[in-house]
Amino acid sequence: MNFPLSYLPERSVKPRQSGVTMVMDKGLSLRETEDFIDGNGTYTDIVKLGFGSALITPRLKEKIELYKSAGIPVYFGGTLLEAFYCKR
């Protein structure tokens, strides 16, 4: 932290059992994903690819690999998950 905030609890390290942070990726590009991981990867525990963005995201496998190489699990959520569930 850049300055002390004594009233905040200490942040646990990964893998966390509590205080887990999920972030929704709404269609970031590869470069934006790299930047996100660089700035926020330490605080992010899991990423959901939402709004069906995975269906139209170019180079999706590479994006997922970026998250995986940073130790951040990725899952499909929202629209695609619901569509899959309805068709099973």
C-alpha atoms as a PDB file:
ATOM      1  CA  MET A   1       0.000   0.000   0.000  1.00  0.00           C
ATOM      2  CA  ASN A   2       1.111   3.541  -0.656  1.00  0.00           C
ATOM      3  CA  PHE A   3      -0.113   4.759   2.737  1.00  0.00           C
ATOM      4  CA  PRO A   4      -1.240   2.976   5.905  1.00  0.00           C
ATOM      5  CA  LEU A   5      -4.900   2.368   6.622  1.00  0.00           C
ATOM      6  CA  SER A   6      -4.813   0.863  10.086  1.00  0.00           C
ATOM      7  CA  TYR A   7      -8.521  -0.034  10.189  1.00  0.00           C
ATOM      8  CA  LEU A   8      -8.355  -2.415   7.189  1.00  0.00           C
ATOM      9  CA  PRO A   9      -7.785  -6.118   7.881  1.00  0.00           C
ATOM     10  CA  GLU A  10      -4.592  -7.704   6.569  1.00  0.00           C
ATOM     11  CA  ARG A  11      -5.042  -9.130   3.058  1.00  0.00           C
ATOM     12  CA  SER A  12      -4.444 -12.881   2.985  1.00  0.00           C
ATOM     13  CA  VAL A  13      -2.263 -14.465   0.317  1.00  0.00           C
ATOM     14  CA  LYS A  14      -3.371 -16.770  -2.481  1.00  0.00           C
ATOM     15  CA  PRO A  15      -4.967 -19.232  -2.419  1.00  0.00           C
ATOM     16  CA  ARG A  16      -7.448 -17.441  -0.177  1.00  0.00           C
ATOM     17  CA  GLN A  17     -10.084 -19.222   1.878  1.00  0.00           C
ATOM     18  CA  SER A  18     -11.958 -15.973   2.556  1.00  0.00           C
ATOM     19  CA  GLY A  19     -12.022 -12.557   0.984  1.00  0.00           C
ATOM     20  CA  VAL A  20     -11.943 -14.079  -2.500  1.00  0.00           C
ATOM     21  CA  THR A  21     -12.131 -11.493  -5.287  1.00  0.00           C
ATOM     22  CA  MET A  22     -13.949 -12.354  -8.526  1.00  0.00           C
ATOM     23  CA  VAL A  23     -13.599 -10.007 -11.489  1.00  0.00           C
ATOM     24  CA  MET A  24     -15.786  -9.983 -14.583  1.00  0.00           C
ATOM     25  CA  ASP A  25     -13.980  -9.685 -17.909  1.00  0.00           C
ATOM     26  CA  LYS A  26     -16.489  -8.022 -20.222  1.00  0.00           C
ATOM     27  CA  GLY A  27     -14.402  -8.422 -23.367  1.00  0.00           C
ATOM     28  CA  LEU A  28     -10.896  -7.154 -22.642  1.00  0.00           C
ATOM     29  CA  SER A  29      -8.372  -7.413 -25.468  1.00  0.00           C
ATOM     30  CA  LEU A  30      -5.160  -9.378 -24.967  1.00  0.00           C
ATOM     31  CA  ARG A  31      -3.239  -6.182 -24.263  1.00  0.00           C
ATOM     32  CA  GLU A  32      -5.876  -4.997 -21.805  1.00  0.00           C
ATOM     33  CA  THR A  33      -5.796  -8.409 -20.141  1.00  0.00           C
ATOM     34  CA  GLU A  34      -2.016  -8.185 -19.762  1.00  0.00           C
ATOM     35  CA  ASP A  35      -2.352  -4.707 -18.270  1.00  0.00           C
ATOM     36  CA  PHE A  36      -5.127  -5.847 -15.935  1.00  0.00           C
ATOM     37  CA  ILE A  37      -3.014  -8.752 -14.667  1.00  0.00           C
ATOM     38  CA  ASP A  38       0.010  -6.488 -14.244  1.00  0.00           C
ATOM     39  CA  GLY A  39      -1.931  -3.991 -12.138  1.00  0.00           C
ATOM     40  CA  ASN A  40      -4.422  -6.235 -10.360  1.00  0.00           C
ATOM     41  CA  GLY A  41      -3.361  -9.872 -10.622  1.00  0.00           C
ATOM     42  CA  THR A  42      -2.200  -9.965  -7.015  1.00  0.00           C
ATOM     43  CA  TYR A  43      -5.691  -9.055  -5.812  1.00  0.00           C
ATOM     44  CA  THR A  44      -7.713 -11.147  -8.277  1.00  0.00           C
ATOM     45  CA  ASP A  45      -8.601 -14.722  -7.356  1.00  0.00           C
ATOM     46  CA  ILE A  46     -10.902 -15.713 -10.209  1.00  0.00           C
ATOM     47  CA  VAL A  47     -12.147 -14.203 -13.500  1.00  0.00           C
ATOM     48  CA  LYS A  48     -15.535 -14.721 -15.102  1.00  0.00           C
ATOM     49  CA  LEU A  49     -15.847 -14.160 -18.852  1.00  0.00           C
ATOM     50  CA  GLY A  50     -19.261 -12.542 -18.917  1.00  0.00           C
ATOM     51  CA  PHE A  51     -21.979 -11.237 -21.213  1.00  0.00           C
ATOM     52  CA  GLY A  52     -21.229 -13.925 -23.804  1.00  0.00           C
ATOM     53  CA  SER A  53     -18.025 -12.061 -24.663  1.00  0.00           C
ATOM     54  CA  ALA A  54     -16.121 -15.360 -24.984  1.00  0.00           C
ATOM     55  CA  LEU A  55     -18.209 -16.159 -28.048  1.00  0.00           C
ATOM     56  CA  ILE A  56     -16.787 -13.216 -29.994  1.00  0.00           C
ATOM     57  CA  THR A  57     -13.416 -12.627 -28.297  1.00  0.00           C
ATOM     58  CA  PRO A  58     -10.526 -12.937 -30.753  1.00  0.00           C
ATOM     59  CA  ARG A  59      -7.661 -15.142 -29.541  1.00  0.00           C
ATOM     60  CA  LEU A  60      -9.704 -16.473 -26.626  1.00  0.00           C
ATOM     61  CA  LYS A  61      -7.316 -19.371 -25.951  1.00  0.00           C
ATOM     62  CA  GLU A  62      -4.419 -16.922 -25.620  1.00  0.00           C
ATOM     63  CA  LYS A  63      -6.431 -14.771 -23.216  1.00  0.00           C
ATOM     64  CA  ILE A  64      -7.262 -17.765 -21.044  1.00  0.00           C
ATOM     65  CA  GLU A  65      -3.579 -18.753 -21.069  1.00  0.00           C
ATOM     66  CA  LEU A  66      -2.640 -15.267 -19.832  1.00  0.00           C
ATOM     67  CA  TYR A  67      -4.952 -15.654 -16.860  1.00  0.00           C
ATOM     68  CA  LYS A  68      -3.796 -19.212 -16.195  1.00  0.00           C
ATOM     69  CA  SER A  69      -0.111 -18.270 -16.350  1.00  0.00           C
ATOM     70  CA  ALA A  70      -0.843 -15.586 -13.731  1.00  0.00           C
ATOM     71  CA  GLY A  71      -2.455 -18.224 -11.498  1.00  0.00           C
ATOM     72  CA  ILE A  72      -5.955 -16.839 -12.003  1.00  0.00           C
ATOM     73  CA  PRO A  73      -8.662 -19.425 -12.799  1.00  0.00           C
ATOM     74  CA  VAL A  74     -11.151 -18.445 -15.511  1.00  0.00           C
ATOM     75  CA  TYR A  75     -14.712 -19.584 -16.078  1.00  0.00           C
ATOM     76  CA  PHE A  76     -17.526 -18.829 -18.488  1.00  0.00           C
ATOM     77  CA  GLY A  77     -20.490 -17.173 -16.874  1.00  0.00           C
ATOM     78  CA  GLY A  78     -23.559 -15.165 -17.577  1.00  0.00           C
ATOM     79  CA  THR A  79     -25.206 -15.519 -20.964  1.00  0.00           C
ATOM     80  CA  LEU A  80     -23.129 -18.418 -22.330  1.00  0.00           C
ATOM     81  CA  LEU A  81     -23.469 -20.448 -19.154  1.00  0.00           C
ATOM     82  CA  GLU A  82     -27.221 -19.892 -19.120  1.00  0.00           C
ATOM     83  CA  ALA A  83     -27.553 -20.860 -22.808  1.00  0.00           C
ATOM     84  CA  PHE A  84     -25.524 -24.022 -22.223  1.00  0.00           C
ATOM     85  CA  TYR A  85     -27.583 -24.927 -19.170  1.00  0.00           C
ATOM     86  CA  CYS A  86     -30.881 -24.450 -21.081  1.00  0.00           C
ATOM     87  CA  LYS A  87     -29.749 -26.684 -23.950  1.00  0.00           C
ATOM     88  CA  ARG A  88     -28.474 -29.610 -21.875  1.00  0.00           C
END
